[in-house]
PDB file of N, CA and C in Angstrom:
ATOM      1  N   UNK A   1      83.302 133.641  99.925  1.00  0.00           N
ATOM      2  CA  UNK A   1      84.874 133.900 100.828  1.00  0.00           C
ATOM      3  C   UNK A   1      86.132 132.804 101.223  1.00  0.00           C
ATOM      4  N   UNK A   2      84.501 132.010 102.441  1.00  0.00           N
ATOM      5  CA  UNK A   2      86.205 131.083 103.207  1.00  0.00           C
ATOM      6  C   UNK A   2      85.856 129.624 102.020  1.00  0.00           C
ATOM      7  N   UNK A   3      85.049 129.610 101.818  1.00  0.00           N
ATOM      8  CA  UNK A   3      84.976 128.206 100.878  1.00  0.00           C
ATOM      9  C   UNK A   3      86.267 128.197  99.586  1.00  0.00           C
ATOM     10  N   UNK A   4      86.419 129.416  99.190  1.00  0.00           N
ATOM     11  CA  UNK A   4      87.197 129.253  98.434  1.00  0.00           C
ATOM     12  C   UNK A   4      88.758 129.344  99.231  1.00  0.00           C
ATOM     13  N   UNK A   5      89.091 129.832  99.781  1.00  0.00           N
ATOM     14  CA  UNK A   5      90.563 129.804 101.433  1.00  0.00           C
ATOM     15  C   UNK A   5      90.742 127.978 101.411  1.00  0.00           C
ATOM     16  N   UNK A   6      89.240 128.227 101.983  1.00  0.00           N
ATOM     17  CA  UNK A   6      89.703 126.185 102.411  1.00  0.00           C
ATOM     18  C   UNK A   6      89.828 126.067 101.313  1.00  0.00           C
ATOM     19  N   UNK A   7      89.207 126.023 100.578  1.00  0.00           N
ATOM     20  CA  UNK A   7      89.825 124.734  99.219  1.00  0.00           C
ATOM     21  C   UNK A   7      91.304 125.014  98.418  1.00  0.00           C
ATOM     22  N   UNK A   8      91.193 126.679  99.073  1.00  0.00           N
ATOM     23  CA  UNK A   8      92.966 126.525  98.439  1.00  0.00           C
ATOM     24  C   UNK A   8      93.746 125.987  99.201  1.00  0.00           C
ATOM     25  N   UNK A   9      93.587 126.706 101.097  1.00  0.00           N
ATOM     26  CA  UNK A   9      94.720 126.011 101.738  1.00  0.00           C
ATOM     27  C   UNK A   9      94.990 124.858 101.717  1.00  0.00           C
ATOM     28  N   UNK A  10      93.928 123.491 101.107  1.00  0.00           N
ATOM     29  CA  UNK A  10      93.281 122.277 101.584  1.00  0.00           C
ATOM     30  C   UNK A  10      94.720 121.876 100.165  1.00  0.00           C
ATOM     31  N   UNK A  11      94.426 122.838  98.926  1.00  0.00           N
ATOM     32  CA  UNK A  11      95.349 121.786  97.968  1.00  0.00           C
ATOM     33  C   UNK A  11      96.704 122.558  97.504  1.00  0.00           C
ATOM     34  N   UNK A  12      97.017 123.759  99.037  1.00  0.00           N
ATOM     35  CA  UNK A  12      98.190 123.110  99.194  1.00  0.00           C
ATOM     36  C   UNK A  12      99.098 122.822 100.782  1.00  0.00           C
ATOM     37  N   UNK A  13      98.035 122.521 101.338  1.00  0.00           N
ATOM     38  CA  UNK A  13      98.474 121.439 102.295  1.00  0.00           C
ATOM     39  C   UNK A  13      98.352 119.802 102.138  1.00  0.00           C
ATOM     40  N   UNK A  14      97.823 120.023 101.146  1.00  0.00           N
ATOM     41  CA  UNK A  14      97.466 118.215 100.895  1.00  0.00           C
ATOM     42  C   UNK A  14      98.863 117.298 100.982  1.00  0.00           C
ATOM     43  N   UNK A  15      99.071 116.425 101.982  1.00  0.00           N
ATOM     44  CA  UNK A  15     100.385 116.214 101.798  1.00  0.00           C
ATOM     45  C   UNK A  15     100.925 115.376 100.135  1.00  0.00           C
ATOM     46  N   UNK A  16      99.885 115.089  99.452  1.00  0.00           N
ATOM     47  CA  UNK A  16     100.637 114.335  97.979  1.00  0.00           C
ATOM     48  C   UNK A  16     101.183 115.635  96.797  1.00  0.00           C
ATOM     49  N   UNK A  17     100.337 116.903  96.737  1.00  0.00           N
ATOM     50  CA  UNK A  17     100.121 118.290  95.886  1.00  0.00           C
ATOM     51  C   UNK A  17     101.445 118.775  96.723  1.00  0.00           C
ATOM     52  N   UNK A  18     102.251 118.050  98.558  1.00  0.00           N
ATOM     53  CA  UNK A  18     103.243 118.842  98.838  1.00  0.00           C
ATOM     54  C   UNK A  18     104.383 118.204  98.595  1.00  0.00           C
ATOM     55  N   UNK A  19     104.085 117.590  98.464  1.00  0.00           N
ATOM     56  CA  UNK A  19     105.234 115.942  98.138  1.00  0.00           C
ATOM     57  C   UNK A  19     105.969 116.846  96.418  1.00  0.00           C
ATOM     58  N   UNK A  20     104.740 116.466  95.789  1.00  0.00           N
ATOM     59  CA  UNK A  20     105.613 116.849  94.597  1.00  0.00           C
ATOM     60  C   UNK A  20     105.226 118.638  94.183  1.00  0.00           C
ATOM     61  N   UNK A  21     105.112 119.780  95.163  1.00  0.00           N
ATOM     62  CA  UNK A  21     105.571 121.186  95.602  1.00  0.00           C
ATOM     63  C   UNK A  21     107.168 120.840  95.416  1.00  0.00           C
ATOM     64  N   UNK A  22     107.603 120.191  96.516  1.00  0.00           N
ATOM     65  CA  UNK A  22     108.378 119.655  96.687  1.00  0.00           C
ATOM     66  C   UNK A  22     109.543 119.744  95.724  1.00  0.00           C
ATOM     67  N   UNK A  23     109.428 118.774  94.914  1.00  0.00           N
ATOM     68  CA  UNK A  23     109.822 118.186  93.945  1.00  0.00           C
ATOM     69  C   UNK A  23     110.257 118.738  92.717  1.00  0.00           C
ATOM     70  N   UNK A  24     108.767 119.443  92.829  1.00  0.00           N
ATOM     71  CA  UNK A  24     109.265 120.951  91.505  1.00  0.00           C
ATOM     72  C   UNK A  24     110.262 121.851  91.907  1.00  0.00           C
ATOM     73  N   UNK A  25     110.842 121.946  93.663  1.00  0.00           N
ATOM     74  CA  UNK A  25     111.081 123.051  93.751  1.00  0.00           C
ATOM     75  C   UNK A  25     112.361 122.703  93.603  1.00  0.00           C
ATOM     76  N   UNK A  26     112.897 121.430  94.235  1.00  0.00           N
ATOM     77  CA  UNK A  26     114.049 121.183  93.971  1.00  0.00           C
ATOM     78  C   UNK A  26     114.837 120.814  92.470  1.00  0.00           C
ATOM     79  N   UNK A  27     114.296 120.076  91.769  1.00  0.00           N
ATOM     80  CA  UNK A  27     114.105 120.431  90.156  1.00  0.00           C
ATOM     81  C   UNK A  27     114.686 121.194  90.220  1.00  0.00           C
ATOM     82  N   UNK A  28     113.863 122.434  90.137  1.00  0.00           N
ATOM     83  CA  UNK A  28     113.794 123.579  90.452  1.00  0.00           C
ATOM     84  C   UNK A  28     115.445 124.037  90.697  1.00  0.00           C
ATOM     85  N   UNK A  29     115.515 124.141  91.783  1.00  0.00           N
ATOM     86  CA  UNK A  29     116.694 124.930  92.771  1.00  0.00           C
ATOM     87  C   UNK A  29     118.176 123.481  91.632  1.00  0.00           C
ATOM     88  N   UNK A  30     117.924 122.128  91.445  1.00  0.00           N
ATOM     89  CA  UNK A  30     119.276 121.632  90.453  1.00  0.00           C
ATOM     90  C   UNK A  30     119.180 122.815  89.336  1.00  0.00           C
ATOM     91  N   UNK A  31     118.488 123.332  88.714  1.00  0.00           N
ATOM     92  CA  UNK A  31     118.660 124.241  87.139  1.00  0.00           C
ATOM     93  C   UNK A  31     119.432 125.985  87.527  1.00  0.00           C
ATOM     94  N   UNK A  32     119.728 126.129  89.047  1.00  0.00           N
ATOM     95  CA  UNK A  32     119.659 127.435  89.613  1.00  0.00           C
ATOM     96  C   UNK A  32     121.259 127.486  90.577  1.00  0.00           C
ATOM     97  N   UNK A  33     121.936 128.504  91.339  1.00  0.00           N
ATOM     98  CA  UNK A  33     122.720 128.323  91.756  1.00  0.00           C
ATOM     99  C   UNK A  33     122.770 127.823  93.245  1.00  0.00           C
ATOM    100  N   UNK A  34     121.447 127.151  93.388  1.00  0.00           N
ATOM    101  CA  UNK A  34     121.763 126.221  94.011  1.00  0.00           C
ATOM    102  C   UNK A  34     121.626 124.347  94.862  1.00  0.00           C
ATOM    103  N   UNK A  35     122.157 124.674  93.232  1.00  0.00           N
ATOM    104  CA  UNK A  35     122.487 122.778  92.800  1.00  0.00           C
ATOM    105  C   UNK A  35     122.661 121.444  94.083  1.00  0.00           C
ATOM    106  N   UNK A  36     123.214 122.206  95.315  1.00  0.00           N
ATOM    107  CA  UNK A  36     123.478 120.879  96.116  1.00  0.00           C
ATOM    108  C   UNK A  36     121.905 120.945  97.284  1.00  0.00           C
ATOM    109  N   UNK A  37     121.156 121.977  97.429  1.00  0.00           N
ATOM    110  CA  UNK A  37     119.994 121.784  97.729  1.00  0.00           C
ATOM    111  C   UNK A  37     118.983 121.386  97.165  1.00  0.00           C
ATOM    112  N   UNK A  38     119.136 121.273  95.639  1.00  0.00           N
ATOM    113  CA  UNK A  38     117.887 120.477  94.669  1.00  0.00           C
ATOM    114  C   UNK A  38     118.699 119.514  94.237  1.00  0.00           C
ATOM    115  N   UNK A  39     119.459 118.754  95.006  1.00  0.00           N
ATOM    116  CA  UNK A  39     119.962 117.676  94.761  1.00  0.00           C
ATOM    117  C   UNK A  39     119.814 117.178  95.808  1.00  0.00           C
ATOM    118  N   UNK A  40     119.501 118.070  97.712  1.00  0.00           N
ATOM    119  CA  UNK A  40     120.011 116.649  98.942  1.00  0.00           C
ATOM    120  C   UNK A  40     117.755 116.984  98.745  1.00  0.00           C
ATOM    121  N   UNK A  41     117.471 117.492  98.298  1.00  0.00           N
ATOM    122  CA  UNK A  41     115.643 117.563  98.581  1.00  0.00           C
ATOM    123  C   UNK A  41     115.208 116.571  97.653  1.00  0.00           C
ATOM    124  N   UNK A  42     115.745 117.052  96.572  1.00  0.00           N
ATOM    125  CA  UNK A  42     114.885 116.312  95.576  1.00  0.00           C
ATOM    126  C   UNK A  42     115.498 114.087  96.629  1.00  0.00           C
ATOM    127  N   UNK A  43     116.408 114.188  96.686  1.00  0.00           N
ATOM    128  CA  UNK A  43     116.769 112.638  96.687  1.00  0.00           C
ATOM    129  C   UNK A  43     116.226 112.254  98.071  1.00  0.00           C
ATOM    130  N   UNK A  44     116.127 113.371  99.141  1.00  0.00           N
ATOM    131  CA  UNK A  44     114.847 113.291 100.079  1.00  0.00           C
ATOM    132  C   UNK A  44     114.136 112.807 100.485  1.00  0.00           C
ATOM    133  N   UNK A  45     113.405 113.635  99.385  1.00  0.00           N
ATOM    134  CA  UNK A  45     111.616 112.572  98.560  1.00  0.00           C
ATOM    135  C   UNK A  45     111.316 111.694  97.957  1.00  0.00           C
ATOM    136  N   UNK A  46     112.468 111.401  96.897  1.00  0.00           N
ATOM    137  CA  UNK A  46     112.606 110.014  96.201  1.00  0.00           C
ATOM    138  C   UNK A  46     112.869 108.686  97.247  1.00  0.00           C
ATOM    139  N   UNK A  47     113.978 109.229  98.542  1.00  0.00           N
ATOM    140  CA  UNK A  47     113.821 107.962  99.339  1.00  0.00           C
ATOM    141  C   UNK A  47     112.270 108.411  99.570  1.00  0.00           C
ATOM    142  N   UNK A  48     111.677 109.195 100.645  1.00  0.00           N
ATOM    143  CA  UNK A  48     110.739 109.288 100.996  1.00  0.00           C
ATOM    144  C   UNK A  48     109.333 108.292 100.102  1.00  0.00           C
ATOM    145  N   UNK A  49     109.693 108.453  99.511  1.00  0.00           N
ATOM    146  CA  UNK A  49     108.517 108.401  98.588  1.00  0.00           C
ATOM    147  C   UNK A  49     109.159 106.376  97.752  1.00  0.00           C
ATOM    148  N   UNK A  50     110.203 106.510  98.143  1.00  0.00           N
ATOM    149  CA  UNK A  50     110.059 104.519  97.833  1.00  0.00           C
ATOM    150  C   UNK A  50     110.330 103.991  99.430  1.00  0.00           C
ATOM    151  N   UNK A  51     110.295 104.665 100.365  1.00  0.00           N
ATOM    152  CA  UNK A  51     110.414 104.156 101.811  1.00  0.00           C
ATOM    153  C   UNK A  51     108.603 103.771 101.832  1.00  0.00           C
ATOM    154  N   UNK A  52     108.011 105.167 100.577  1.00  0.00           N
ATOM    155  CA  UNK A  52     106.698 104.761 101.463  1.00  0.00           C
ATOM    156  C   UNK A  52     106.551 103.940 101.124  1.00  0.00           C
ATOM    157  N   UNK A  53     106.263 103.152  99.642  1.00  0.00           N
ATOM    158  CA  UNK A  53     105.996 102.042  98.994  1.00  0.00           C
ATOM    159  C   UNK A  53     106.424 101.169  99.287  1.00  0.00           C
ATOM    160  N   UNK A  54     107.887 101.021  99.488  1.00  0.00           N
ATOM    161  CA  UNK A  54     107.892  99.424  99.802  1.00  0.00           C
ATOM    162  C   UNK A  54     107.445  99.210 101.192  1.00  0.00           C
ATOM    163  N   UNK A  55     107.646  99.763 102.729  1.00  0.00           N
ATOM    164  CA  UNK A  55     107.687  99.764 104.196  1.00  0.00           C
ATOM    165  C   UNK A  55     105.571  99.756 103.945  1.00  0.00           C
ATOM    166  N   UNK A  56     105.517  99.217 104.963  1.00  0.00           N
ATOM    167  CA  UNK A  56     104.050  98.190 105.213  1.00  0.00           C
ATOM    168  C   UNK A  56     103.934  99.625 106.613  1.00  0.00           C
ATOM    169  N   UNK A  57     104.087 100.663 105.795  1.00  0.00           N
ATOM    170  CA  UNK A  57     103.787 101.728 107.012  1.00  0.00           C
ATOM    171  C   UNK A  57     102.098 102.236 107.646  1.00  0.00           C
ATOM    172  N   UNK A  58     101.484 101.748 106.815  1.00  0.00           N
ATOM    173  CA  UNK A  58      99.885 102.160 107.546  1.00  0.00           C
ATOM    174  C   UNK A  58      99.759 101.099 108.846  1.00  0.00           C
ATOM    175  N   UNK A  59     100.097  99.029 108.073  1.00  0.00           N
ATOM    176  CA  UNK A  59      99.441  98.145 109.025  1.00  0.00           C
ATOM    177  C   UNK A  59     101.171  98.689 110.473  1.00  0.00           C
ATOM    178  N   UNK A  60     101.941  99.089 110.408  1.00  0.00           N
ATOM    179  CA  UNK A  60     102.207  99.824 111.582  1.00  0.00           C
ATOM    180  C   UNK A  60     102.292 100.857 112.245  1.00  0.00           C
ATOM    181  N   UNK A  61     101.545 101.552 111.582  1.00  0.00           N
ATOM    182  CA  UNK A  61     100.232 103.202 112.719  1.00  0.00           C
ATOM    183  C   UNK A  61      99.816 102.170 112.716  1.00  0.00           C
ATOM    184  N   UNK A  62      99.072 101.390 112.563  1.00  0.00           N
ATOM    185  CA  UNK A  62      97.650 100.667 112.197  1.00  0.00           C
ATOM    186  C   UNK A  62      97.305  99.734 113.801  1.00  0.00           C
ATOM    187  N   UNK A  63      98.429  98.855 113.358  1.00  0.00           N
ATOM    188  CA  UNK A  63      98.412  97.831 114.702  1.00  0.00           C
ATOM    189  C   UNK A  63      98.870  98.343 115.795  1.00  0.00           C
ATOM    190  N   UNK A  64      98.629  99.458 116.821  1.00  0.00           N
ATOM    191  CA  UNK A  64      98.799  99.580 118.203  1.00  0.00           C
ATOM    192  C   UNK A  64      97.137  99.958 118.657  1.00  0.00           C
ATOM    193  N   UNK A  65      96.184 100.662 117.512  1.00  0.00           N
ATOM    194  CA  UNK A  65      94.971 100.740 117.492  1.00  0.00           C
ATOM    195  C   UNK A  65      93.873  99.472 117.611  1.00  0.00           C
ATOM    196  N   UNK A  66      94.432  98.615 116.753  1.00  0.00           N
ATOM    197  CA  UNK A  66      93.735  97.281 116.425  1.00  0.00           C
ATOM    198  C   UNK A  66      94.117  96.231 117.304  1.00  0.00           C
ATOM    199  N   UNK A  67      95.401  96.739 118.553  1.00  0.00           N
ATOM    200  CA  UNK A  67      95.993  95.014 119.841  1.00  0.00           C
ATOM    201  C   UNK A  67      95.140  96.597 120.453  1.00  0.00           C
ATOM    202  N   UNK A  68      94.801  97.066 120.891  1.00  0.00           N
ATOM    203  CA  UNK A  68      93.960  97.509 122.186  1.00  0.00           C
ATOM    204  C   UNK A  68      92.651  97.983 122.029  1.00  0.00           C
ATOM    205  N   UNK A  69      92.630  97.235 121.427  1.00  0.00           N
ATOM    206  CA  UNK A  69      90.384  96.074 121.235  1.00  0.00           C
ATOM    207  C   UNK A  69      90.721  94.901 121.682  1.00  0.00           C
ATOM    208  N   UNK A  70      89.679  94.296 122.387  1.00  0.00           N
ATOM    209  CA  UNK A  70      89.575  92.800 122.071  1.00  0.00           C
ATOM    210  C   UNK A  70      89.057  91.802 120.820  1.00  0.00           C
ATOM    211  N   UNK A  71      89.398  91.374 119.964  1.00  0.00           N
ATOM    212  CA  UNK A  71      88.330  90.914 118.738  1.00  0.00           C
ATOM    213  C   UNK A  71      86.443  91.148 119.241  1.00  0.00           C
ATOM    214  N   UNK A  72      86.016  91.738 118.237  1.00  0.00           N
ATOM    215  CA  UNK A  72      84.545  91.329 117.888  1.00  0.00           C
ATOM    216  C   UNK A  72      84.877  89.952 117.569  1.00  0.00           C
ATOM    217  N   UNK A  73      82.882  89.242 118.767  1.00  0.00           N
ATOM    218  CA  UNK A  73      82.982  88.394 117.817  1.00  0.00           C
ATOM    219  C   UNK A  73      81.563  88.026 117.997  1.00  0.00           C
TER     220      UNK A  73
END
């Protein structure tokens, strides 16, 4: 039982799946009476994905860790 719940939780908590779920929610909101919220959500997710694709975020996050230790000879 725990194994099934853990797999289900990770399916929903996986960052890429979370982005896709929020994107689908935003598109569904565009077709409802909450169009402004849907547009805001889709725009935010699109800007976030564009920023993650263009900016070297991984290098920026790993830089303090790499600079913390001396190079290995």
